[in-house]
Amino acid sequence: PFKSLSEVSSLIREYAAAARRGMNKSQAKSTFSISNLGMYGVEVLPIINPPEAGSLGVGPTKRVVKEHSGGLQGRDILSLSLAADHRAIDGAYGAKFLKSL
């Protein structure tokens, strides 16, 4: 079942507190993880941690010049990478998820 934003926020606080108390990854149960090192300017190659079905890597934003409405415009582009276990997620669904994100 899907969780509300407030439920997810509450769980994140609980997991962060557990991590500070020394809980290791093998005790955590999840289906998907997000690696965000982009704030440090690092490109991320996500790795799946079993039993997870996928992992999203969030890289840095880069300022690029793109054509827009017949002219040029500076845009911030966010780098995202997705790793998916193809036993659980069809690659086409993973691609659609990444495109919509």
Protein backbone atom coordinates (compact mmCIF):
# COMPACT_ATOMS: atom_id res chain seq x y z
CA PRO A 1 0.00 0.00 0.00
CA PHE A 2 1.07 3.56 -0.72
CA LYS A 3 2.02 5.84 2.15
CA SER A 4 1.19 9.52 2.52
CA LEU A 5 3.96 12.12 2.51
CA SER A 6 3.61 12.57 6.29
CA GLU A 7 3.89 8.79 6.82
CA VAL A 8 7.03 8.62 4.67
CA SER A 9 8.51 11.59 6.52
CA SER A 10 7.82 9.93 9.87
CA LEU A 11 9.43 6.66 8.71
CA ILE A 12 12.52 8.51 7.47
CA ARG A 13 12.94 10.10 10.91
CA GLU A 14 12.57 6.69 12.58
CA TYR A 15 15.11 5.05 10.25
CA ALA A 16 17.58 7.92 10.68
CA ALA A 17 17.32 7.60 14.47
CA ALA A 18 17.82 3.81 14.19
CA ALA A 19 20.89 4.35 11.99
CA ARG A 20 22.36 6.71 14.59
CA ARG A 21 21.82 3.98 17.20
CA GLY A 22 23.86 1.58 15.04
CA MET A 23 21.28 -0.42 13.08
CA ASN A 24 22.98 -1.90 10.04
CA LYS A 25 21.59 -2.30 6.51
CA SER A 26 20.96 -6.02 6.92
CA GLN A 27 18.32 -5.20 9.54
CA ALA A 28 16.51 -2.72 7.28
CA LYS A 29 13.68 -3.89 5.05
CA SER A 30 13.07 -1.94 1.88
CA THR A 31 12.14 -2.43 -1.76
CA PHE A 32 13.81 0.66 -3.24
CA SER A 33 16.61 3.00 -2.25
CA ILE A 34 17.78 6.46 -3.28
CA SER A 35 21.42 7.51 -3.32
CA ASN A 36 21.85 11.29 -3.35
CA LEU A 37 25.45 12.42 -3.68
CA GLY A 38 24.70 15.08 -6.27
CA MET A 39 24.93 17.83 -3.67
CA TYR A 40 28.64 16.99 -3.50
CA GLY A 41 29.04 17.14 -7.28
CA VAL A 42 29.38 13.35 -7.53
CA GLU A 43 27.90 11.30 -10.38
CA VAL A 44 26.07 8.31 -8.90
CA LEU A 45 25.96 4.75 -10.21
CA PRO A 46 23.24 3.08 -8.15
CA ILE A 47 23.73 -0.51 -6.97
CA ILE A 48 20.84 -2.74 -5.94
CA ASN A 49 20.97 -3.95 -2.34
CA PRO A 50 19.11 -7.29 -2.16
CA PRO A 51 16.25 -7.84 -1.52
CA GLU A 52 15.48 -4.44 -3.10
CA ALA A 53 14.01 -4.29 -6.59
CA GLY A 54 15.68 -1.02 -7.56
CA SER A 55 17.85 1.93 -6.69
CA LEU A 56 17.83 5.52 -7.92
CA GLY A 57 21.04 7.52 -8.12
CA VAL A 58 20.65 11.31 -7.93
CA GLY A 59 23.65 13.16 -9.33
CA PRO A 60 24.55 16.82 -9.57
CA THR A 61 22.70 19.48 -11.51
CA LYS A 62 24.51 21.04 -14.44
CA ARG A 63 23.77 24.36 -16.12
CA VAL A 64 23.37 23.85 -19.88
CA VAL A 65 22.17 25.98 -22.76
CA LYS A 66 19.14 24.55 -24.57
CA GLU A 67 16.99 25.76 -27.45
CA HIS A 68 13.61 26.91 -26.19
CA SER A 69 10.82 28.75 -28.05
CA GLY A 70 13.10 29.69 -30.93
CA GLY A 71 15.87 31.03 -28.70
CA LEU A 72 18.54 29.87 -26.30
CA GLN A 73 17.97 29.51 -22.60
CA GLY A 74 20.11 28.36 -19.67
CA ARG A 75 18.61 25.38 -17.84
CA ASP A 76 19.60 23.34 -14.80
CA ILE A 77 19.59 19.64 -15.70
CA LEU A 78 19.50 16.99 -12.97
CA SER A 79 21.42 13.74 -13.50
CA LEU A 80 19.45 10.59 -12.57
CA SER A 81 20.41 6.90 -12.91
CA LEU A 82 18.25 3.86 -12.26
CA ALA A 83 19.29 0.28 -11.46
CA ALA A 84 16.46 -2.27 -11.53
CA ASP A 85 16.33 -5.99 -10.83
CA HIS A 86 14.82 -7.35 -14.03
CA ARG A 87 13.40 -10.33 -12.16
CA ALA A 88 11.04 -7.88 -10.43
CA ILE A 89 10.80 -4.89 -12.80
CA ASP A 90 10.60 -4.94 -16.58
CA GLY A 91 13.18 -2.58 -18.10
CA ALA A 92 10.48 -0.72 -20.05
CA TYR A 93 8.65 0.13 -16.79
CA GLY A 94 11.92 1.31 -15.27
CA ALA A 95 12.55 3.54 -18.29
CA LYS A 96 9.01 4.99 -18.09
CA PHE A 97 9.49 5.69 -14.38
CA LEU A 98 12.81 7.45 -14.99
CA LYS A 99 11.37 9.46 -17.89
CA SER A 100 8.37 10.61 -15.82
CA LEU A 101 10.63 11.50 -12.91
